[in-house]
Protein backbone atom coordinates (compact mmCIF):
# COMPACT_ATOMS: atom_id res chain seq x y z
CA MET A 1 226.28 201.20 95.39
CA LYS A 2 222.52 201.20 95.00
CA SER A 3 220.49 203.83 96.81
CA ASN A 4 217.11 203.92 98.52
CA GLN A 5 215.29 206.56 100.57
CA GLU A 6 216.26 204.59 103.70
CA ILE A 7 219.74 203.09 103.19
CA ASP A 8 222.46 202.67 100.58
CA TYR A 9 223.69 199.14 99.95
CA LYS A 10 225.82 196.89 97.77
CA ILE A 11 225.42 193.11 97.41
CA LEU A 12 228.78 191.36 97.03
CA GLY A 13 229.67 187.88 95.82
CA GLU A 14 227.97 185.27 93.67
CA GLU A 15 226.96 182.10 95.55
CA LEU A 16 228.16 183.04 99.05
CA GLN A 17 226.90 186.60 99.21
CA CYS A 18 227.06 189.42 101.72
CA VAL A 19 225.42 192.84 101.74
CA GLU A 20 227.37 196.01 102.56
CA ILE A 21 225.19 198.80 103.95
CA GLU A 22 226.28 202.43 104.15
CA LEU A 23 224.90 204.28 107.16
CA ASP A 24 224.58 208.04 107.41
CA PRO A 25 225.23 209.65 110.83
CA ASN A 26 222.58 208.50 113.36
CA GLU A 27 221.18 205.97 110.87
CA THR A 28 220.36 202.47 112.16
CA VAL A 29 220.00 199.02 110.63
CA ILE A 30 218.57 195.98 112.44
CA ALA A 31 219.61 192.37 111.91
CA GLU A 32 219.06 188.85 113.15
CA ALA A 33 221.67 187.60 115.60
CA GLY A 34 224.47 185.72 113.85
CA ASN A 35 224.33 187.57 110.51
CA PHE A 36 226.94 190.24 111.34
CA MET A 37 230.21 190.06 109.38
CA MET A 38 232.17 193.32 109.87
CA MET A 39 231.76 197.06 110.39
CA ASP A 40 233.68 200.32 110.46
CA ASP A 41 234.74 201.95 113.69
CA GLY A 42 232.13 204.44 114.88
CA ILE A 43 229.13 202.09 114.67
CA ARG A 44 227.46 201.19 117.97
CA MET A 45 225.84 197.79 118.52
CA ASP A 46 222.75 197.48 120.76
CA THR A 47 220.73 194.40 121.64
CA ILE A 48 217.01 195.21 121.58
CA PHE A 49 213.70 193.53 122.36
CA GLY A 50 211.80 192.66 119.18
CA ASP A 51 212.55 194.69 116.06
CA GLY A 52 212.72 198.20 117.53
CA SER A 53 210.01 199.49 115.18
CA LYS A 54 207.93 200.85 118.10
CA GLN A 55 210.50 202.92 119.91
CA GLN A 56 208.01 204.70 122.18
CA SER A 57 205.94 201.66 123.16
CA GLY A 58 205.76 200.39 126.74
CA PHE A 59 207.49 197.37 128.19
CA MET A 60 204.51 195.04 127.68
CA ASP A 61 204.20 196.06 124.03
CA LYS A 62 207.89 195.39 123.51
CA LEU A 63 207.59 192.05 125.30
CA PHE A 64 204.62 191.08 123.12
CA SER A 65 206.51 192.10 119.98
CA ALA A 66 209.53 190.05 121.05
CA GLY A 67 207.33 187.11 122.06
CA LYS A 68 205.86 186.90 118.57
CA ARG A 69 209.36 186.20 117.29
CA LEU A 70 209.51 183.06 119.41
CA LEU A 71 206.56 181.70 117.43
CA VAL A 72 208.63 181.73 114.24
CA GLY A 73 211.63 180.12 115.93
CA GLU A 74 213.66 183.32 116.30
CA SER A 75 215.34 184.87 119.33
CA LEU A 76 213.58 187.35 121.62
CA PHE A 77 216.30 189.83 120.75
CA MET A 78 217.59 191.53 117.63
CA THR A 79 220.69 193.64 117.10
CA ALA A 80 220.62 197.31 116.11
CA PHE A 81 223.70 198.94 114.57
CA THR A 82 223.80 202.76 114.68
CA ASN A 83 226.32 205.12 113.11
CA ILE A 84 227.31 207.42 115.99
CA GLY A 85 230.00 209.24 114.00
CA ASN A 86 229.91 212.38 111.88
CA ALA A 87 230.62 210.65 108.56
CA LYS A 88 229.26 207.70 106.62
CA ARG A 89 230.14 204.25 107.96
CA ARG A 90 229.79 200.79 106.41
CA ILE A 91 228.58 197.53 107.91
CA THR A 92 228.37 194.10 106.27
CA PHE A 93 226.05 191.15 106.88
CA ALA A 94 226.70 187.67 105.46
CA SER A 95 224.46 184.92 104.14
CA PRO A 96 224.11 181.96 106.53
CA TYR A 97 224.39 179.37 103.72
CA PRO A 98 225.01 179.32 99.93
CA GLY A 99 222.44 181.29 98.00
CA LYS A 100 221.33 184.79 97.06
CA ILE A 101 220.50 187.93 99.01
CA ILE A 102 217.43 189.77 97.72
CA ALA A 103 216.87 193.47 98.34
CA MET A 104 213.19 194.20 98.99
CA ASP A 105 211.97 197.80 98.80
CA LEU A 106 208.80 197.55 100.86
CA SER A 107 207.57 200.91 99.58
CA GLN A 108 207.31 199.26 96.15
CA LEU A 109 205.53 196.18 97.56
CA HIS A 110 202.56 197.98 99.14
CA GLY A 111 204.33 197.96 102.50
CA LYS A 112 204.12 194.23 103.22
CA LEU A 113 206.02 191.05 102.37
CA ILE A 114 205.42 187.50 103.62
CA CYS A 115 208.46 185.23 103.77
CA GLN A 116 209.63 181.90 105.14
CA LYS A 117 210.66 181.82 108.77
CA ASP A 118 214.45 181.92 108.32
CA ALA A 119 214.64 184.22 105.28
CA PHE A 120 215.06 187.61 107.00
CA LEU A 121 218.63 188.94 107.08
CA CYS A 122 218.52 192.66 107.97
CA ALA A 123 216.50 195.83 107.37
CA ALA A 124 216.37 199.56 107.89
CA LYS A 125 215.19 200.49 111.37
CA GLY A 126 211.45 201.07 111.35
CA VAL A 127 210.65 197.93 109.38
CA SER A 128 208.40 195.73 111.51
CA ILE A 129 209.17 192.00 111.65
CA GLY A 130 206.04 190.15 112.73
CA ILE A 131 204.16 186.92 112.15
CA GLU A 132 201.64 185.89 109.50
CA PHE A 133 199.20 183.11 110.37
CA GLN A 134 197.98 180.84 107.60
CA LYS A 135 194.22 181.25 107.34
CA LYS A 136 193.58 177.80 105.89
CA LEU A 137 193.93 174.73 108.10
CA GLY A 138 195.31 172.52 105.33
CA THR A 139 197.94 175.09 104.37
CA GLY A 140 199.14 175.31 107.96
CA LEU A 141 199.29 171.56 108.48
CA PHE A 142 200.88 170.52 105.19
CA GLY A 143 202.35 173.67 103.66
CA GLY A 144 205.93 173.03 104.72
CA GLU A 145 206.26 176.30 106.67
CA GLY A 146 203.53 175.52 109.22
CA PHE A 147 200.84 177.91 110.39
CA ILE A 148 203.22 180.82 110.90
CA MET A 149 205.42 182.71 108.46
CA GLU A 150 207.33 185.97 108.89
CA LYS A 151 205.76 189.27 107.90
CA LEU A 152 207.83 192.35 107.02
CA GLU A 153 205.96 195.66 107.08
CA GLY A 154 207.00 199.26 106.51
CA ASP A 155 208.31 201.48 103.73
CA GLY A 156 212.06 200.88 104.00
CA MET A 157 214.54 198.39 102.64
CA ALA A 158 214.68 194.80 103.87
CA PHE A 159 217.04 192.02 102.83
CA VAL A 160 216.07 188.37 102.69
CA HIS A 161 218.14 185.31 101.89
CA SER A 162 217.39 182.33 99.67
CA GLY A 163 219.15 179.01 99.08
CA GLY A 164 220.74 178.37 95.69
CA MET A 165 219.41 180.34 92.72
CA ILE A 166 216.44 182.69 93.03
CA ILE A 167 213.62 183.09 90.51
CA GLU A 168 211.22 186.02 90.71
CA LYS A 169 207.86 185.36 89.07
CA LYS A 170 205.22 188.02 88.51
CA LEU A 171 201.82 186.38 88.19
CA MET A 172 198.84 187.83 86.37
CA PRO A 173 195.36 187.71 87.94
CA GLY A 174 194.21 184.09 88.02
CA GLU A 175 197.60 182.72 86.89
CA LEU A 176 198.59 179.70 88.99
CA ILE A 177 201.84 177.80 89.47
CA LYS A 178 202.66 174.73 91.57
CA VAL A 179 205.82 174.85 93.68
CA ASP A 180 207.60 172.55 96.12
CA THR A 181 206.53 173.78 99.55
CA GLY A 182 210.13 174.28 100.71
CA CYS A 183 211.12 176.33 97.66
CA ILE A 184 209.01 179.39 98.48
CA VAL A 185 211.11 182.26 99.83
CA ALA A 186 208.61 185.12 99.87
CA PHE A 187 205.51 186.51 98.21
CA THR A 188 203.52 189.72 98.17
CA HIS A 189 200.42 190.09 100.32
CA ASP A 190 197.98 189.78 97.39
CA ILE A 191 199.12 186.25 96.46
CA ASP A 192 196.65 183.40 97.16
CA TYR A 193 198.74 180.66 98.79
CA ASP A 194 197.34 177.14 99.28
CA ILE A 195 198.40 173.48 99.12
CA GLN A 196 197.30 170.66 96.82
CA PHE A 197 197.66 166.89 97.16
CA ILE A 198 200.20 165.62 94.64
CA GLY A 199 197.79 162.92 93.42
CA GLY A 200 198.33 159.28 92.57
CA ILE A 201 199.39 156.50 94.95
CA ARG A 202 202.57 155.77 92.98
CA ASN A 203 203.56 159.45 93.02
CA ALA A 204 202.91 159.74 96.75
CA ILE A 205 204.74 156.57 97.78
CA PHE A 206 207.57 156.27 95.26
CA GLY A 207 208.03 159.81 93.95
CA GLY A 208 210.22 161.10 96.77
CA GLU A 209 208.74 164.60 96.34
CA GLY A 210 206.41 164.65 99.34
CA LEU A 211 202.63 164.52 99.34
CA PHE A 212 201.74 168.14 98.55
CA PHE A 213 202.45 171.00 96.17
CA ALA A 214 202.13 174.63 97.12
CA THR A 215 199.78 176.46 94.75
CA ILE A 216 200.56 180.13 94.14
CA LYS A 217 197.83 182.16 92.44
CA GLY A 218 198.15 185.72 91.17
CA PRO A 219 198.02 188.59 90.98
CA GLY A 220 201.29 189.25 92.76
CA THR A 221 204.97 188.36 92.91
CA VAL A 222 206.62 185.26 94.36
CA TRP A 223 210.32 184.52 94.91
CA ILE A 224 211.32 180.86 94.54
CA GLN A 225 214.63 179.26 95.62
CA SER A 226 216.32 176.31 93.95
CA LEU A 227 217.95 174.89 97.09
CA PRO A 228 216.01 175.12 100.38
CA VAL A 229 218.32 174.80 103.37
CA SER A 230 216.25 171.83 104.61
CA ARG A 231 216.99 169.98 101.36
CA LEU A 232 220.70 170.82 101.59
CA ALA A 233 220.86 169.70 105.22
CA GLY A 234 218.92 166.51 104.46
CA ARG A 235 221.25 165.55 101.64
CA MET A 236 224.34 166.22 103.77
CA MET A 237 222.91 164.15 106.62
CA ALA A 238 222.11 161.34 104.21
CA TYR A 239 225.67 161.25 102.89
CA ALA A 240 227.04 161.40 106.44
CA ASN A 241 224.86 158.42 107.38
CA ASN A 242 226.95 155.67 105.78
CA GLY A 243 226.85 157.38 102.39
CA LYS A 244 223.14 156.83 101.93
CA GLU A 245 221.19 159.36 99.90
CA GLU A 246 217.80 160.84 100.69
CA GLY A 247 214.90 159.92 98.43
CA SER A 248 211.86 157.69 98.35
CA VAL A 249 211.18 154.84 100.74
CA LEU A 250 212.69 152.35 98.26
CA GLY A 251 216.08 154.09 97.98
CA GLY A 252 217.71 153.25 94.64
CA LEU A 253 214.58 151.51 93.36
CA GLY A 254 212.58 154.60 94.20
CA ARG A 255 214.98 156.77 92.19
CA MET A 256 214.28 154.58 89.17
CA PHE A 257 210.65 155.65 89.46
CA ASP A 258 211.25 159.34 90.17
CA GLY A 259 213.97 159.81 87.54
CA ASP A 260 216.80 160.78 89.94
CA ASN A 261 219.59 158.56 88.63
CA SER A 262 222.49 160.82 89.56
């Protein structure tokens, strides 16, 4: 079991993962509703406004904190799990779909991480879950995640979830990569994130890859997923709809152009 100054944890499984967290007496972990899997006796569950990071704040501050979560499509409430016993207790949270769970030590990431709206799984109490507005109009309109992404701040452990395989890339100053907009899981605050038109009429119409790339420019670290949940859901819906596959506007003919002949 890996250890951190905030919580001890162990990630279990390969493609359908869960994270087991060991809580000391009076220690608390917060999680999104629906991620709970199981826990030992002696752990109390409380539903809280927002993320509980500002315990002494007034009602309006708590309401504002919770309201920000609505902007990223999350519930007003989160769930806090506290060990009320005299010995260590374990609690487990599960991935919502096939993929990987990534442990993020915010103290090693300069206290801030920006991630896609549905990536957050759970965190040590005290980690703030807020919103990050895209500063560039084009990025907000065409960047796949919209104007608003989630922002995790603090110095504790947080756990985020990705679809499929995860690739962590550390970029040098000025180094730039182009990524499908839906494949970005998270990046550090010093990354320069923008969008770029894919270029070429044939690529745009027949390519089946959308109209824009995300451009990620260092210095910083970015985590990229191989299977965004939107892509998985789209393919399943396509098969359910009379066995038709997703792709370009020309269907099978389009796949001849974009190379997807599977």
